[in-house]
Structures are given as C-alpha cells and as structure tokens.
C-alpha cells in the first residue's frame, strides 16, 4: 500500500475515536426522539424527554473525554456543533408542531445555526477551524434546557405551567445569546478570510 494511503487510513481511524463515536451516537438518537414525540402522549413525551436529555448529555461527555484524553480532532470540532444543531432543530420543529414554541422564534434560532454552520464550512475550506466559544456554549445550554422543559410539560401535567414558563424564558435567553455569539463567529471568520476589509 502506498505510504500516503496508509497515513490517510491511520488518520481516519484516529479521527473516529471514542469522543467522536459518542457524537455520532447523539446523531443516531435524534430519529428515536423524533419518533417518540410525534404523538406526545404523557408517556411518550416522558420517553422523548429522556432520550433528548441523554442525547444532550453526550454533548458534555464527548467534549470532556476529548479534552481529558487529548483526542481533539478537526472531525470532532466540525461534527460536534453539527450534532448539536440537528438535535436542537429537531426539538424546535416538533415543539412548533404542537404549538409550544412560536414559529418566528424557531425560524430565527434555526436560521442562525444554518448561517454559522455555513460560515464554519467556508472557514474549514480555507484551512482553519472555529471552535465554540463560551457564549455559544451557554446558548446551547439555554436551548437544550428550554426544549427539555417544554417537552416534559406534556408528561408532567401538575408542573405544566411552571415548565412552560421556564422553558420559554430559557429559549428567549438562548435567542439573545444566539444572536450575539453568531455575530462574533461571523466577524471572526470574515476577519480570517478577508483581513483586508477589517
């Protein structure tokens, strides 16, 4: 086997490490969550919430393992935010369907994710990776917490009003953080791509 091919195989194998495998698991859990919440009876909503929470927990777990073991890869830096965005977008769309989230709010949040993901892809094509910053991470926490509260309100009727209120507060906080962090990402990326204009 040619040396270049052998090195590329080794590189590919090292990229699919434990943290990246956990990230892939998060992606595979999304269809399960969607199937459970398509008909949100109290029991199915509870299971959907558990699956969503498990998928969200893997976001913390893969990052922690990657940093602790030194297995941070470019694949992981790209795959992890994509997995987050798929999970959040799925939750928002389903909540719009059951009229628990305003359509405009879901559109703005999802549009921001698509724009930033596209900009990151452009940056990757130019040879540099833009990791998540602290505001972006707080935004994810707000989105996950808000979506989870709104999912579980269908399961816990006694706490319905409380969970609805907390869920919406978290999502609106996430909206503010999304817009601020999104702008920061775009400025950083365009400074790298076209420094002559900054």
Protein backbone atom coordinates (compact mmCIF):
# COMPACT_ATOMS: atom_id res chain seq x y z
CA UNK A 1 0.00 0.00 0.00
CA UNK A 2 1.38 3.48 -0.85
CA UNK A 3 2.62 5.48 2.10
CA UNK A 4 0.12 8.32 1.53
CA UNK A 5 -2.82 5.90 1.54
CA UNK A 6 -1.58 4.20 4.68
CA UNK A 7 -1.19 7.50 6.51
CA UNK A 8 -4.68 8.63 5.46
CA UNK A 9 -6.15 5.39 6.80
CA UNK A 10 -4.37 5.88 10.11
CA UNK A 11 -5.58 9.47 10.25
CA UNK A 12 -9.17 8.42 9.52
CA UNK A 13 -9.05 5.71 12.19
CA UNK A 14 -7.68 8.14 14.77
CA UNK A 15 -10.42 10.67 13.92
CA UNK A 16 -13.14 8.12 14.71
CA UNK A 17 -12.14 7.90 18.36
CA UNK A 18 -14.37 7.45 21.43
CA UNK A 19 -15.44 11.12 21.72
CA UNK A 20 -16.35 11.27 18.02
CA UNK A 21 -18.20 7.95 18.29
CA UNK A 22 -20.26 9.42 21.15
CA UNK A 23 -21.03 12.43 18.96
CA UNK A 24 -22.28 10.05 16.26
CA UNK A 25 -24.44 8.33 18.88
CA UNK A 26 -26.06 11.71 19.57
CA UNK A 27 -26.96 11.98 15.90
CA UNK A 28 -28.40 8.44 15.88
CA UNK A 29 -30.59 9.25 18.93
CA UNK A 30 -32.30 12.12 17.11
CA UNK A 31 -34.63 9.92 14.97
CA UNK A 32 -35.60 8.00 18.11
CA UNK A 33 -36.51 11.25 19.86
CA UNK A 34 -38.49 12.47 16.83
CA UNK A 35 -40.43 9.20 16.58
CA UNK A 36 -41.34 9.31 20.28
CA UNK A 37 -42.51 12.94 20.24
CA UNK A 38 -44.51 12.81 17.01
CA UNK A 39 -47.51 11.81 19.16
CA UNK A 40 -46.75 13.42 22.54
CA UNK A 41 -48.93 11.47 24.94
CA UNK A 42 -47.72 11.86 28.56
CA UNK A 43 -45.86 8.54 28.42
CA UNK A 44 -44.27 9.14 25.02
CA UNK A 45 -43.37 12.72 26.00
CA UNK A 46 -41.58 11.40 29.07
CA UNK A 47 -39.59 8.91 27.00
CA UNK A 48 -38.88 11.57 24.39
CA UNK A 49 -37.59 13.85 27.13
CA UNK A 50 -35.33 11.11 28.48
CA UNK A 51 -33.91 10.38 25.03
CA UNK A 52 -33.43 14.10 24.37
CA UNK A 53 -31.70 14.54 27.74
CA UNK A 54 -29.44 11.53 27.06
CA UNK A 55 -28.51 12.92 23.64
CA UNK A 56 -27.80 16.33 25.18
CA UNK A 57 -25.65 14.74 27.90
CA UNK A 58 -23.43 13.17 25.25
CA UNK A 59 -22.56 16.72 24.19
CA UNK A 60 -20.90 17.27 27.56
CA UNK A 61 -19.45 13.76 27.64
CA UNK A 62 -17.73 13.77 24.23
CA UNK A 63 -16.14 17.17 24.87
CA UNK A 64 -14.96 16.13 28.34
CA UNK A 65 -13.44 12.89 27.06
CA UNK A 66 -11.81 14.62 24.10
CA UNK A 67 -10.11 17.19 26.34
CA UNK A 68 -9.11 14.70 29.03
CA UNK A 69 -7.61 12.16 26.62
CA UNK A 70 -6.17 14.72 24.22
CA UNK A 71 -8.28 13.27 21.40
CA UNK A 72 -9.42 16.60 19.98
CA UNK A 73 -9.66 16.27 16.20
CA UNK A 74 -10.79 18.51 13.37
CA UNK A 75 -13.55 15.99 12.67
CA UNK A 76 -14.78 16.38 16.24
CA UNK A 77 -14.66 20.18 16.06
CA UNK A 78 -16.87 20.08 12.97
CA UNK A 79 -19.11 17.13 13.89
CA UNK A 80 -19.94 18.17 17.46
CA UNK A 81 -21.65 21.51 16.62
CA UNK A 82 -23.47 19.88 13.69
CA UNK A 83 -24.86 17.21 16.04
CA UNK A 84 -25.97 19.93 18.48
CA UNK A 85 -27.73 21.86 15.74
CA UNK A 86 -29.56 18.78 14.44
CA UNK A 87 -30.76 17.94 17.95
CA UNK A 88 -31.92 21.48 18.71
CA UNK A 89 -33.56 21.98 15.30
CA UNK A 90 -35.47 18.70 15.67
CA UNK A 91 -36.74 19.74 19.10
CA UNK A 92 -37.79 23.20 17.95
CA UNK A 93 -39.63 21.93 14.87
CA UNK A 94 -41.55 19.35 16.88
CA UNK A 95 -42.46 21.94 19.53
CA UNK A 96 -43.74 24.29 16.81
CA UNK A 97 -45.86 21.42 15.52
CA UNK A 98 -47.53 21.01 18.93
CA UNK A 99 -47.78 24.81 19.32
CA UNK A 100 -45.41 25.11 22.27
CA UNK A 101 -42.88 27.39 20.53
CA UNK A 102 -43.58 30.46 18.37
CA UNK A 103 -42.82 29.85 14.70
CA UNK A 104 -40.73 33.02 14.37
CA UNK A 105 -38.57 32.06 17.35
CA UNK A 106 -37.82 28.64 15.90
CA UNK A 107 -37.05 30.16 12.48
CA UNK A 108 -34.61 32.71 13.92
CA UNK A 109 -32.83 30.13 16.08
CA UNK A 110 -32.53 27.60 13.26
CA UNK A 111 -31.54 30.23 10.68
CA UNK A 112 -28.74 31.42 12.95
CA UNK A 113 -27.45 27.84 13.25
CA UNK A 114 -27.53 27.35 9.47
CA UNK A 115 -25.71 30.62 8.81
CA UNK A 116 -22.98 29.90 11.37
CA UNK A 117 -22.61 26.31 10.17
CA UNK A 118 -22.22 27.53 6.58
CA UNK A 119 -19.64 30.11 7.66
CA UNK A 120 -17.74 27.42 9.56
CA UNK A 121 -17.73 25.23 6.47
CA UNK A 122 -16.25 28.12 4.47
CA UNK A 123 -13.65 28.61 7.19
CA UNK A 124 -12.78 24.90 7.16
CA UNK A 125 -12.36 25.06 3.39
CA UNK A 126 -9.92 27.93 3.93
CA UNK A 127 -7.92 25.79 6.33
CA UNK A 128 -8.95 26.87 9.81
CA UNK A 129 -11.45 25.59 12.37
CA UNK A 130 -13.58 27.89 14.53
CA UNK A 131 -14.23 26.21 17.91
CA UNK A 132 -17.28 27.02 20.02
CA UNK A 133 -16.85 29.99 22.36
CA UNK A 134 -18.28 30.47 25.87
CA UNK A 135 -21.37 32.35 24.66
CA UNK A 136 -22.08 29.65 22.11
CA UNK A 137 -21.88 27.01 24.83
CA UNK A 138 -24.23 28.97 27.10
CA UNK A 139 -26.60 29.33 24.15
CA UNK A 140 -26.66 25.56 23.72
CA UNK A 141 -27.41 25.08 27.44
CA UNK A 142 -30.32 27.52 27.18
CA UNK A 143 -31.70 25.84 24.08
CA UNK A 144 -31.40 22.33 25.49
CA UNK A 145 -32.88 23.31 28.85
CA UNK A 146 -35.75 25.23 27.26
CA UNK A 147 -36.65 22.48 24.82
CA UNK A 148 -36.46 19.82 27.52
CA UNK A 149 -38.79 21.78 29.82
CA UNK A 150 -41.34 22.21 27.02
CA UNK A 151 -41.15 18.51 26.13
CA UNK A 152 -41.65 17.39 29.73
CA UNK A 153 -44.63 19.65 30.33
CA UNK A 154 -46.66 17.19 28.26
CA UNK A 155 -45.57 14.43 30.65
CA UNK A 156 -45.93 16.25 33.99
CA UNK A 157 -49.32 17.90 33.90
CA UNK A 158 -49.08 19.17 37.50
CA UNK A 159 -45.97 21.21 36.62
CA UNK A 160 -47.18 22.24 33.17
CA UNK A 161 -47.38 26.00 33.77
CA UNK A 162 -44.03 26.11 35.57
CA UNK A 163 -42.23 24.09 32.88
CA UNK A 164 -43.81 26.15 30.09
CA UNK A 165 -42.66 29.39 31.73
CA UNK A 166 -39.14 28.20 32.46
CA UNK A 167 -38.82 26.66 29.00
CA UNK A 168 -39.77 29.88 27.24
CA UNK A 169 -37.54 32.04 29.44
CA UNK A 170 -34.58 29.79 28.62
CA UNK A 171 -35.33 29.87 24.89
CA UNK A 172 -35.56 33.67 24.82
CA UNK A 173 -32.29 33.89 26.73
CA UNK A 174 -30.82 31.48 24.20
CA UNK A 175 -32.11 33.70 21.41
CA UNK A 176 -30.16 36.71 22.72
CA UNK A 177 -27.01 34.62 23.19
CA UNK A 178 -27.50 33.11 19.71
CA UNK A 179 -27.55 36.50 18.02
CA UNK A 180 -24.55 37.82 19.94
CA UNK A 181 -22.40 34.70 19.55
CA UNK A 182 -23.45 34.30 15.91
CA UNK A 183 -22.28 37.82 15.13
CA UNK A 184 -18.97 37.14 16.91
CA UNK A 185 -18.44 33.94 14.90
CA UNK A 186 -19.13 35.70 11.61
CA UNK A 187 -16.80 38.60 12.40
CA UNK A 188 -14.02 36.19 13.41
CA UNK A 189 -14.45 34.09 10.30
CA UNK A 190 -14.55 37.00 7.88
CA UNK A 191 -11.53 38.58 9.55
CA UNK A 192 -9.65 35.35 8.80
CA UNK A 193 -10.95 35.02 5.25
CA UNK A 194 -10.76 38.68 4.18
CA UNK A 195 -8.45 40.50 6.61
CA UNK A 196 -8.02 43.39 4.14
CA UNK A 197 -11.59 44.51 4.82
CA UNK A 198 -11.15 44.67 8.62
